[in-house]
C-alpha atoms as a PDB file:
ATOM      1  CA  MET A   1      21.012   3.190 -21.579  1.00  0.00           C
ATOM      2  CA  LYS A   2      17.979   4.220 -23.546  1.00  0.00           C
ATOM      3  CA  ARG A   3      14.592   2.506 -22.068  1.00  0.00           C
ATOM      4  CA  ILE A   4      11.539   2.666 -24.649  1.00  0.00           C
ATOM      5  CA  LEU A   5       8.384   2.010 -23.123  1.00  0.00           C
ATOM      6  CA  PHE A   6       5.811   0.941 -25.564  1.00  0.00           C
ATOM      7  CA  ALA A   7       8.639   1.625 -28.204  1.00  0.00           C
ATOM      8  CA  VAL A   8       6.842  -0.505 -30.903  1.00  0.00           C
ATOM      9  CA  LEU A   9       3.673   1.472 -31.082  1.00  0.00           C
ATOM     10  CA  GLY A  10       5.674   4.918 -29.998  1.00  0.00           C
ATOM     11  CA  ALA A  11       3.095   5.559 -27.358  1.00  0.00           C
ATOM     12  CA  ILE A  12       5.586   7.254 -24.988  1.00  0.00           C
ATOM     13  CA  SER A  13       9.214   7.399 -25.466  1.00  0.00           C
ATOM     14  CA  LEU A  14      11.250   7.157 -22.259  1.00  0.00           C
ATOM     15  CA  SER A  15      14.949   8.146 -21.967  1.00  0.00           C
ATOM     16  CA  ALA A  16      15.916   6.899 -18.807  1.00  0.00           C
ATOM     17  CA  CYS A  17      18.659   5.095 -16.744  1.00  0.00           C
ATOM     18  CA  ALA A  18      17.645   1.395 -16.069  1.00  0.00           C
ATOM     19  CA  GLN A  19      17.334   0.592 -12.339  1.00  0.00           C
ATOM     20  CA  THR A  20      20.045  -1.640 -11.107  1.00  0.00           C
ATOM     21  CA  PRO A  21      19.086  -4.467  -8.578  1.00  0.00           C
ATOM     22  CA  PRO A  22      19.614  -4.025  -5.118  1.00  0.00           C
ATOM     23  CA  GLY A  23      22.968  -5.230  -4.223  1.00  0.00           C
ATOM     24  CA  ALA A  24      24.568  -4.665  -7.408  1.00  0.00           C
ATOM     25  CA  ALA A  25      27.754  -2.964  -7.882  1.00  0.00           C
ATOM     26  CA  ALA A  26      27.721   0.870  -8.571  1.00  0.00           C
ATOM     27  CA  ALA A  27      27.616   1.305 -12.480  1.00  0.00           C
ATOM     28  CA  ALA A  28      29.665   3.759 -14.309  1.00  0.00           C
ATOM     29  CA  LYS A  29      28.305   6.952 -14.907  1.00  0.00           C
ATOM     30  CA  ALA A  30      26.495   7.237 -18.338  1.00  0.00           C
ATOM     31  CA  ASP A  31      26.142   9.714 -20.919  1.00  0.00           C
ATOM     32  CA  PRO A  32      22.874  10.228 -22.275  1.00  0.00           C
ATOM     33  CA  VAL A  33      22.085   8.450 -25.449  1.00  0.00           C
ATOM     34  CA  LYS A  34      20.840  10.494 -28.501  1.00  0.00           C
ATOM     35  CA  PRO A  35      17.311   9.465 -29.443  1.00  0.00           C
ATOM     36  CA  ALA A  36      17.128   7.547 -32.685  1.00  0.00           C
ATOM     37  CA  ALA A  37      15.932   8.919 -35.956  1.00  0.00           C
ATOM     38  CA  GLU A  38      12.487   8.599 -36.761  1.00  0.00           C
ATOM     39  CA  ALA A  39      11.560   5.382 -38.825  1.00  0.00           C
ATOM     40  CA  ALA A  40      10.396   5.510 -42.400  1.00  0.00           C
ATOM     41  CA  ALA A  41       6.845   4.638 -43.221  1.00  0.00           C
ATOM     42  CA  GLY A  42       5.785   1.115 -41.872  1.00  0.00           C
ATOM     43  CA  THR A  43       4.798  -1.833 -44.032  1.00  0.00           C
ATOM     44  CA  ALA A  44       1.688  -4.264 -43.445  1.00  0.00           C
ATOM     45  CA  PRO A  45       0.575  -7.630 -44.878  1.00  0.00           C
ATOM     46  CA  LYS A  46      -2.299  -7.386 -47.398  1.00  0.00           C
ATOM     47  CA  VAL A  47      -5.928  -7.857 -45.684  1.00  0.00           C
ATOM     48  CA  ALA A  48      -9.290  -7.945 -47.043  1.00  0.00           C
ATOM     49  CA  ALA A  49     -11.124  -4.485 -46.519  1.00  0.00           C
ATOM     50  CA  GLY A  50     -13.604  -4.359 -43.899  1.00  0.00           C
ATOM     51  CA  SER A  51     -12.125  -7.411 -42.067  1.00  0.00           C
ATOM     52  CA  ALA A  52     -11.392  -8.051 -38.525  1.00  0.00           C
ATOM     53  CA  ASP A  53      -7.480  -8.126 -39.672  1.00  0.00           C
ATOM     54  CA  ALA A  54      -7.925  -4.737 -41.452  1.00  0.00           C
ATOM     55  CA  ARG A  55      -9.357  -3.251 -38.286  1.00  0.00           C
ATOM     56  CA  ALA A  56      -6.381  -4.751 -36.316  1.00  0.00           C
ATOM     57  CA  VAL A  57      -3.991  -2.986 -38.974  1.00  0.00           C
ATOM     58  CA  GLU A  58      -5.720   0.171 -38.660  1.00  0.00           C
ATOM     59  CA  ALA A  59      -5.734   0.144 -34.912  1.00  0.00           C
ATOM     60  CA  VAL A  60      -1.964  -0.148 -34.906  1.00  0.00           C
ATOM     61  CA  ARG A  61      -1.832   2.518 -37.455  1.00  0.00           C
ATOM     62  CA  THR A  62      -3.649   4.625 -35.395  1.00  0.00           C
ATOM     63  CA  LEU A  63      -1.038   4.586 -32.643  1.00  0.00           C
ATOM     64  CA  ASN A  64       1.973   4.776 -35.010  1.00  0.00           C
ATOM     65  CA  PRO A  65       1.726   4.727 -38.872  1.00  0.00           C
ATOM     66  CA  LYS A  66       5.440   3.986 -39.056  1.00  0.00           C
ATOM     67  CA  VAL A  67       5.923   0.671 -37.682  1.00  0.00           C
ATOM     68  CA  ASN A  68       6.311  -2.441 -39.676  1.00  0.00           C
ATOM     69  CA  ILE A  69       3.345  -5.017 -39.140  1.00  0.00           C
ATOM     70  CA  ASP A  70       4.724  -8.715 -40.279  1.00  0.00           C
ATOM     71  CA  LYS A  71       1.590 -10.642 -39.572  1.00  0.00           C
ATOM     72  CA  VAL A  72      -2.039 -10.488 -38.691  1.00  0.00           C
ATOM     73  CA  GLY A  73      -4.102 -13.411 -37.736  1.00  0.00           C
ATOM     74  CA  ALA A  74      -6.519 -15.078 -35.250  1.00  0.00           C
ATOM     75  CA  ALA A  75      -5.623 -14.700 -31.699  1.00  0.00           C
ATOM     76  CA  PRO A  76      -5.503 -17.540 -29.109  1.00  0.00           C
ATOM     77  CA  MET A  77      -8.675 -15.895 -27.284  1.00  0.00           C
ATOM     78  CA  PRO A  78     -11.729 -15.323 -29.084  1.00  0.00           C
ATOM     79  CA  GLY A  79     -12.806 -11.646 -30.111  1.00  0.00           C
ATOM     80  CA  PHE A  80      -9.242 -10.681 -30.781  1.00  0.00           C
ATOM     81  CA  ARG A  81      -6.961 -10.589 -33.509  1.00  0.00           C
ATOM     82  CA  GLU A  82      -2.958 -11.294 -33.094  1.00  0.00           C
ATOM     83  CA  ALA A  83      -0.507  -8.791 -34.817  1.00  0.00           C
ATOM     84  CA  LEU A  84       3.284  -9.339 -34.946  1.00  0.00           C
ATOM     85  CA  VAL A  85       4.800  -5.715 -34.906  1.00  0.00           C
ATOM     86  CA  GLN A  86       8.393  -5.335 -35.172  1.00  0.00           C
ATOM     87  CA  GLY A  87       9.068  -8.564 -33.133  1.00  0.00           C
ATOM     88  CA  GLN A  88       6.479  -7.827 -30.727  1.00  0.00           C
ATOM     89  CA  VAL A  89       2.975  -9.415 -30.201  1.00  0.00           C
ATOM     90  CA  VAL A  90      -0.118  -7.039 -30.163  1.00  0.00           C
ATOM     91  CA  TYR A  91      -3.651  -8.099 -29.702  1.00  0.00           C
ATOM     92  CA  VAL A  92      -6.568  -6.184 -31.029  1.00  0.00           C
ATOM     93  CA  SER A  93     -10.340  -6.526 -30.448  1.00  0.00           C
ATOM     94  CA  ASP A  94     -12.028  -7.605 -33.452  1.00  0.00           C
ATOM     95  CA  ASP A  95     -13.777  -4.226 -33.824  1.00  0.00           C
ATOM     96  CA  GLY A  96     -10.529  -2.588 -33.845  1.00  0.00           C
ATOM     97  CA  ARG A  97     -11.156  -0.387 -30.764  1.00  0.00           C
ATOM     98  CA  TYR A  98      -9.115  -2.001 -27.990  1.00  0.00           C
ATOM     99  CA  LEU A  99      -5.269  -2.763 -28.460  1.00  0.00           C
ATOM    100  CA  PHE A 100      -3.522  -4.779 -25.714  1.00  0.00           C
ATOM    101  CA  LEU A 101       0.386  -4.730 -25.524  1.00  0.00           C
ATOM    102  CA  PRO A 102       1.573  -7.515 -23.158  1.00  0.00           C
ATOM    103  CA  GLY A 103       5.126  -7.649 -21.827  1.00  0.00           C
ATOM    104  CA  SER A 104       6.877  -5.617 -19.256  1.00  0.00           C
ATOM    105  CA  GLY A 105       4.751  -2.478 -18.207  1.00  0.00           C
ATOM    106  CA  GLY A 106       1.846  -3.430 -20.681  1.00  0.00           C
ATOM    107  CA  ALA A 107      -0.824  -1.187 -22.190  1.00  0.00           C
ATOM    108  CA  LEU A 108      -4.441  -1.288 -23.054  1.00  0.00           C
ATOM    109  CA  PHE A 109      -5.297   1.526 -25.539  1.00  0.00           C
ATOM    110  CA  ASP A 110      -8.634   2.705 -26.474  1.00  0.00           C
ATOM    111  CA  THR A 111      -7.757   3.465 -29.985  1.00  0.00           C
ATOM    112  CA  GLN A 112     -10.968   5.791 -30.401  1.00  0.00           C
ATOM    113  CA  ALA A 113     -10.036   8.039 -27.753  1.00  0.00           C
ATOM    114  CA  LYS A 114      -6.422   7.439 -28.165  1.00  0.00           C
ATOM    115  CA  ARG A 115      -5.825   6.743 -24.295  1.00  0.00           C
ATOM    116  CA  ASN A 116      -3.851   4.145 -22.531  1.00  0.00           C
ATOM    117  CA  LEU A 117      -6.576   2.937 -20.093  1.00  0.00           C
ATOM    118  CA  MET A 118      -4.035   1.187 -17.889  1.00  0.00           C
ATOM    119  CA  GLU A 119      -2.157   4.290 -17.526  1.00  0.00           C
ATOM    120  CA  ASP A 120      -5.348   6.187 -16.299  1.00  0.00           C
ATOM    121  CA  THR A 121      -5.686   3.703 -13.428  1.00  0.00           C
ATOM    122  CA  LEU A 122      -1.939   3.868 -12.643  1.00  0.00           C
ATOM    123  CA  ALA A 123      -2.007   7.735 -12.795  1.00  0.00           C
ATOM    124  CA  GLY A 124      -4.622   7.861 -10.035  1.00  0.00           C
ATOM    125  CA  MET A 125      -2.640   5.466  -7.832  1.00  0.00           C
ATOM    126  CA  ARG A 126       0.486   7.655  -8.545  1.00  0.00           C
ATOM    127  CA  ARG A 127      -1.241  10.616  -7.679  1.00  0.00           C
ATOM    128  CA  ASP A 128      -2.157   9.353  -4.275  1.00  0.00           C
ATOM    129  CA  LEU A 129       1.373   7.926  -3.576  1.00  0.00           C
ATOM    130  CA  LEU A 130       2.820  11.418  -4.220  1.00  0.00           C
ATOM    131  CA  LYS A 131       0.397  12.921  -1.459  1.00  0.00           C
ATOM    132  CA  THR A 132       2.058  10.877   1.237  1.00  0.00           C
ATOM    133  CA  ILE A 133       5.390  12.577   0.807  1.00  0.00           C
ATOM    134  CA  PRO A 134       5.473  16.107   2.491  1.00  0.00           C
ATOM    135  CA  ALA A 135       6.193  19.168   0.457  1.00  0.00           C
ATOM    136  CA  SER A 136       9.019  19.816   2.734  1.00  0.00           C
ATOM    137  CA  GLU A 137      10.934  16.761   1.594  1.00  0.00           C
ATOM    138  CA  ARG A 138      10.949  17.690  -1.967  1.00  0.00           C
ATOM    139  CA  ILE A 139      13.821  19.354  -3.773  1.00  0.00           C
ATOM    140  CA  VAL A 140      12.288  22.244  -5.764  1.00  0.00           C
ATOM    141  CA  PHE A 141      13.531  24.358  -8.735  1.00  0.00           C
ATOM    142  CA  ALA A 142      10.583  26.571  -9.643  1.00  0.00           C
ATOM    143  CA  PRO A 143      10.032  29.918 -11.609  1.00  0.00           C
ATOM    144  CA  ALA A 144       8.136  32.763 -10.015  1.00  0.00           C
ATOM    145  CA  ASN A 145       4.796  31.876 -11.441  1.00  0.00           C
ATOM    146  CA  PRO A 146       4.747  28.232 -12.734  1.00  0.00           C
ATOM    147  CA  LYS A 147       2.190  27.469 -15.251  1.00  0.00           C
ATOM    148  CA  HIS A 148       2.876  23.653 -14.436  1.00  0.00           C
ATOM    149  CA  THR A 149       4.471  21.514 -11.873  1.00  0.00           C
ATOM    150  CA  VAL A 150       6.086  18.021 -12.128  1.00  0.00           C
ATOM    151  CA  THR A 151       7.407  15.711  -9.902  1.00  0.00           C
ATOM    152  CA  VAL A 152      10.772  13.785 -10.939  1.00  0.00           C
ATOM    153  CA  PHE A 153      11.868  11.015  -9.392  1.00  0.00           C
ATOM    154  CA  THR A 154      15.966  11.446  -9.637  1.00  0.00           C
ATOM    155  CA  ASP A 155      19.260   9.728  -9.165  1.00  0.00           C
ATOM    156  CA  VAL A 156      22.544  11.338  -9.009  1.00  0.00           C
ATOM    157  CA  GLU A 157      24.398   8.788 -11.042  1.00  0.00           C
ATOM    158  CA  CYS A 158      22.158   8.614 -13.643  1.00  0.00           C
ATOM    159  CA  GLY A 159      23.264  10.254 -16.947  1.00  0.00           C
ATOM    160  CA  TYR A 160      19.693  11.390 -18.055  1.00  0.00           C
ATOM    161  CA  CYS A 161      19.204  12.591 -14.663  1.00  0.00           C
ATOM    162  CA  ARG A 162      22.049  14.791 -15.106  1.00  0.00           C
ATOM    163  CA  LYS A 163      21.212  15.953 -18.550  1.00  0.00           C
ATOM    164  CA  LEU A 164      17.854  17.045 -17.250  1.00  0.00           C
ATOM    165  CA  HIS A 165      19.053  18.829 -14.395  1.00  0.00           C
ATOM    166  CA  SER A 166      21.637  20.602 -16.529  1.00  0.00           C
ATOM    167  CA  GLU A 167      18.772  22.274 -18.363  1.00  0.00           C
ATOM    168  CA  ILE A 168      16.789  23.088 -15.082  1.00  0.00           C
ATOM    169  CA  ALA A 169      16.885  26.868 -15.765  1.00  0.00           C
ATOM    170  CA  GLU A 170      15.413  26.194 -19.176  1.00  0.00           C
ATOM    171  CA  TYR A 171      12.512  23.946 -17.442  1.00  0.00           C
ATOM    172  CA  ASN A 172      11.788  26.886 -15.377  1.00  0.00           C
ATOM    173  CA  ARG A 173      11.702  29.447 -18.331  1.00  0.00           C
ATOM    174  CA  GLN A 174       9.234  27.210 -19.832  1.00  0.00           C
ATOM    175  CA  GLY A 175       7.159  27.945 -16.649  1.00  0.00           C
ATOM    176  CA  ILE A 176       7.885  24.293 -15.344  1.00  0.00           C
ATOM    177  CA  ALA A 177       8.444  23.826 -11.613  1.00  0.00           C
ATOM    178  CA  VAL A 178      10.373  20.712 -10.835  1.00  0.00           C
ATOM    179  CA  GLU A 179       9.852  18.867  -7.736  1.00  0.00           C
ATOM    180  CA  TYR A 180      12.676  16.159  -7.163  1.00  0.00           C
ATOM    181  CA  LEU A 181      11.973  13.078  -5.387  1.00  0.00           C
ATOM    182  CA  ALA A 182      14.914  10.597  -4.544  1.00  0.00           C
ATOM    183  CA  PHE A 183      15.239   7.267  -6.265  1.00  0.00           C
ATOM    184  CA  PRO A 184      18.558   5.777  -5.675  1.00  0.00           C
ATOM    185  CA  ARG A 185      18.685   3.114  -8.529  1.00  0.00           C
ATOM    186  CA  MET A 186      21.506   0.944  -7.085  1.00  0.00           C
ATOM    187  CA  GLY A 187      19.222   0.269  -3.911  1.00  0.00           C
ATOM    188  CA  ILE A 188      19.140   1.010  -0.222  1.00  0.00           C
ATOM    189  CA  GLY A 189      22.643   0.905   1.547  1.00  0.00           C
ATOM    190  CA  SER A 190      24.463   1.456  -1.889  1.00  0.00           C
ATOM    191  CA  GLU A 191      26.997   4.252  -2.456  1.00  0.00           C
ATOM    192  CA  ASP A 192      24.476   5.660  -4.681  1.00  0.00           C
ATOM    193  CA  TYR A 193      21.761   5.783  -1.742  1.00  0.00           C
ATOM    194  CA  LYS A 194      24.376   7.126   0.710  1.00  0.00           C
ATOM    195  CA  LYS A 195      24.865  10.354  -1.662  1.00  0.00           C
ATOM    196  CA  MET A 196      21.306  10.820  -1.862  1.00  0.00           C
ATOM    197  CA  VAL A 197      20.964  10.846   1.931  1.00  0.00           C
ATOM    198  CA  SER A 198      23.936  13.251   2.018  1.00  0.00           C
ATOM    199  CA  VAL A 199      21.865  15.483  -0.369  1.00  0.00           C
ATOM    200  CA  TRP A 200      18.619  15.372   1.588  1.00  0.00           C
ATOM    201  CA  CYS A 201      20.481  15.946   4.699  1.00  0.00           C
ATOM    202  CA  ALA A 202      22.604  19.137   3.587  1.00  0.00           C
ATOM    203  CA  ALA A 203      21.677  22.627   4.725  1.00  0.00           C
ATOM    204  CA  ASP A 204      21.171  23.774   1.137  1.00  0.00           C
ATOM    205  CA  ARG A 205      19.567  20.853  -0.578  1.00  0.00           C
ATOM    206  CA  ARG A 206      19.312  22.428  -4.027  1.00  0.00           C
ATOM    207  CA  LYS A 207      23.045  23.120  -4.128  1.00  0.00           C
ATOM    208  CA  ALA A 208      23.984  19.781  -2.788  1.00  0.00           C
ATOM    209  CA  LEU A 209      21.858  18.132  -5.364  1.00  0.00           C
ATOM    210  CA  THR A 210      23.392  20.369  -8.113  1.00  0.00           C
ATOM    211  CA  ASP A 211      27.046  19.331  -7.029  1.00  0.00           C
ATOM    212  CA  ALA A 212      26.159  15.678  -6.789  1.00  0.00           C
ATOM    213  CA  LYS A 213      24.967  15.645 -10.449  1.00  0.00           C
ATOM    214  CA  SER A 214      28.077  17.695 -11.705  1.00  0.00           C
ATOM    215  CA  ASP A 215      30.928  16.191 -13.383  1.00  0.00           C
ATOM    216  CA  HIS A 216      32.861  15.503 -10.312  1.00  0.00           C
ATOM    217  CA  GLY A 217      29.796  14.416  -8.402  1.00  0.00           C
ATOM    218  CA  ASN A 218      31.048  15.727  -5.000  1.00  0.00           C
ATOM    219  CA  VAL A 219      28.794  15.988  -2.116  1.00  0.00           C
ATOM    220  CA  SER A 220      29.827  16.297   1.598  1.00  0.00           C
ATOM    221  CA  SER A 221      28.823  12.935   3.338  1.00  0.00           C
ATOM    222  CA  LYS A 222      26.202  13.485   5.809  1.00  0.00           C
ATOM    223  CA  GLN A 223      23.671  11.578   8.048  1.00  0.00           C
ATOM    224  CA  CYS A 224      20.407  12.718   9.600  1.00  0.00           C
ATOM    225  CA  LYS A 225      16.624  11.610   9.827  1.00  0.00           C
ATOM    226  CA  ASN A 226      15.553  11.570   6.083  1.00  0.00           C
ATOM    227  CA  THR A 227      12.731  10.356   3.801  1.00  0.00           C
ATOM    228  CA  VAL A 228      15.135   8.914   1.141  1.00  0.00           C
ATOM    229  CA  GLU A 229      14.046   5.389   1.687  1.00  0.00           C
ATOM    230  CA  GLN A 230      10.318   6.256   1.734  1.00  0.00           C
ATOM    231  CA  GLN A 231      10.741   8.055  -1.406  1.00  0.00           C
ATOM    232  CA  TYR A 232      12.460   5.044  -3.194  1.00  0.00           C
ATOM    233  CA  GLU A 233       9.825   2.784  -1.927  1.00  0.00           C
ATOM    234  CA  ILE A 234       7.262   5.134  -3.333  1.00  0.00           C
ATOM    235  CA  GLY A 235       8.805   5.189  -6.657  1.00  0.00           C
ATOM    236  CA  GLN A 236       8.854   1.307  -6.741  1.00  0.00           C
ATOM    237  CA  ARG A 237       5.186   1.379  -5.907  1.00  0.00           C
ATOM    238  CA  ALA A 238       4.550   3.884  -8.685  1.00  0.00           C
ATOM    239  CA  GLY A 239       5.842   1.426 -11.166  1.00  0.00           C
ATOM    240  CA  LEU A 240       9.282   3.094 -11.666  1.00  0.00           C
ATOM    241  CA  THR A 241      11.896   1.108 -13.590  1.00  0.00           C
ATOM    242  CA  GLY A 242      14.260   3.716 -14.522  1.00  0.00           C
ATOM    243  CA  THR A 243      15.387   7.210 -13.884  1.00  0.00           C
ATOM    244  CA  PRO A 244      14.497   9.892 -14.165  1.00  0.00           C
ATOM    245  CA  MET A 245      10.548   9.540 -14.041  1.00  0.00           C
ATOM    246  CA  ILE A 246       8.510  12.530 -14.790  1.00  0.00           C
ATOM    247  CA  LEU A 247       4.759  12.758 -13.282  1.00  0.00           C
ATOM    248  CA  ASN A 248       2.354  15.626 -13.951  1.00  0.00           C
ATOM    249  CA  ALA A 249       0.134  16.953 -11.058  1.00  0.00           C
ATOM    250  CA  ASP A 250      -2.425  14.176 -12.055  1.00  0.00           C
ATOM    251  CA  GLY A 251       0.076  11.492 -11.761  1.00  0.00           C
ATOM    252  CA  VAL A 252       0.460  10.772 -15.676  1.00  0.00           C
ATOM    253  CA  GLN A 253       3.997   9.556 -16.444  1.00  0.00           C
ATOM    254  CA  LEU A 254       5.503  11.881 -19.047  1.00  0.00           C
ATOM    255  CA  GLY A 255       8.494  10.290 -19.710  1.00  0.00           C
ATOM    256  CA  GLY A 256      12.021  10.017 -18.581  1.00  0.00           C
ATOM    257  CA  TYR A 257      14.319  12.633 -19.963  1.00  0.00           C
ATOM    258  CA  VAL A 258      11.947  15.025 -22.113  1.00  0.00           C
ATOM    259  CA  PRO A 259      13.560  18.370 -23.573  1.00  0.00           C
ATOM    260  CA  PRO A 260      12.069  21.405 -21.635  1.00  0.00           C
ATOM    261  CA  ALA A 261      10.085  22.724 -24.794  1.00  0.00           C
ATOM    262  CA  GLN A 262       8.670  19.176 -25.675  1.00  0.00           C
ATOM    263  CA  LEU A 263       7.504  18.751 -21.923  1.00  0.00           C
ATOM    264  CA  ARG A 264       6.008  22.128 -21.865  1.00  0.00           C
ATOM    265  CA  GLU A 265       3.993  21.201 -24.831  1.00  0.00           C
ATOM    266  CA  ALA A 266       2.893  17.901 -23.630  1.00  0.00           C
ATOM    267  CA  LEU A 267       1.760  19.458 -20.160  1.00  0.00           C
ATOM    268  CA  ASP A 268      -0.126  22.131 -22.221  1.00  0.00           C
ATOM    269  CA  LYS A 269      -1.745  19.448 -23.995  1.00  0.00           C
ATOM    270  CA  LEU A 270      -2.869  17.497 -21.134  1.00  0.00           C
ATOM    271  CA  ALA A 271      -3.982  20.412 -19.062  1.00  0.00           C
ATOM    272  CA  ALA A 272      -6.163  21.518 -22.339  1.00  0.00           C
ATOM    273  CA  GLU A 273      -7.520  17.781 -22.352  1.00  0.00           C
ATOM    274  CA  SER A 274      -8.393  17.921 -18.552  1.00  0.00           C
ATOM    275  CA  LYS A 275     -10.347  21.176 -19.131  1.00  0.00           C
ATOM    276  CA  THR A 276     -12.207  19.631 -22.076  1.00  0.00           C
ATOM    277  CA  ALA A 277     -12.959  16.374 -20.374  1.00  0.00           C
ATOM    278  CA  ALA A 278     -14.318  18.704 -17.346  1.00  0.00           C
ATOM    279  CA  LYS A 279     -16.814  20.528 -19.366  1.00  0.00           C
ATOM    280  CA  PRO A 280     -20.584  19.624 -19.235  1.00  0.00           C
ATOM    281  CA  THR A 281     -21.395  17.432 -22.266  1.00  0.00           C
ATOM    282  CA  ALA A 282     -24.834  18.805 -23.767  1.00  0.00           C
ATOM    283  CA  ALA A 283     -23.560  17.096 -27.064  1.00  0.00           C
ATOM    284  CA  VAL A 284     -21.077  14.185 -27.580  1.00  0.00           C
ATOM    285  CA  ALA A 285     -17.658  15.836 -27.655  1.00  0.00           C
ATOM    286  CA  THR A 286     -14.811  15.023 -30.327  1.00  0.00           C
ATOM    287  CA  PRO A 287     -12.322  12.738 -28.955  1.00  0.00           C
ATOM    288  CA  VAL A 288      -9.225  14.428 -27.960  1.00  0.00           C
ATOM    289  CA  GLY A 289      -5.636  12.934 -28.510  1.00  0.00           C
ATOM    290  CA  GLY A 290      -3.860  11.037 -25.536  1.00  0.00           C
ATOM    291  CA  LEU A 291      -0.488   9.942 -24.703  1.00  0.00           C
END
């Protein structure tokens, strides 16, 4: 299944396998779905120049110029406009700066800084959560001198997780170290969970994970003291709803499945922004693009 977070505004596209509720039967192995083609330039209703409605349209266009805006008008709460964007309700502050996207996950964008303010808060929380998982409990695939390190919550049954792992050598060639954590999306006690426990209990975890994600999905059944349940719970607390989930070193969510070259580009961009933000500001800095 292809899950798209903030799809209407195109803020972050996530290709991921949805989490199955605990207790559900194991799902059939899914093949990755090809991304949809980019939409054509979007439409918008006629609005008076300089009006709050016009600023709302411009705010949406700032994040994605290709979406269709069907209606703009007064919102139920003062100080905001309400827009219907491809079947989804979006709220924009009258000055056009802040855009709120309700619904599952939600998002609050600063359109001037081009940042998801909610994601900034969540990133800090995720970074702290990841620190509770020992380095020895991660399954690491890394180049000799990595430029970037990402944490990936993974599952052995998810088609997108398998696709990502099939390209692990290319991620490494791109200078990206991948540190895997377990997220058995079928829930604790499921067959999926038992397979992931077997992987984490294997003498060679890297080989066991690769074998488990192969077409045959074979892995020798093993039991030991392990942290798979802890990792699963950390993933839930971090807001994970599907696998894979890719986080950079600062806890920023970069997507579900992201092709190696695109992931390197995103990581380079975030690193450059962090350096810019850390510099002393003798003068007002030009806002940099965010997620």
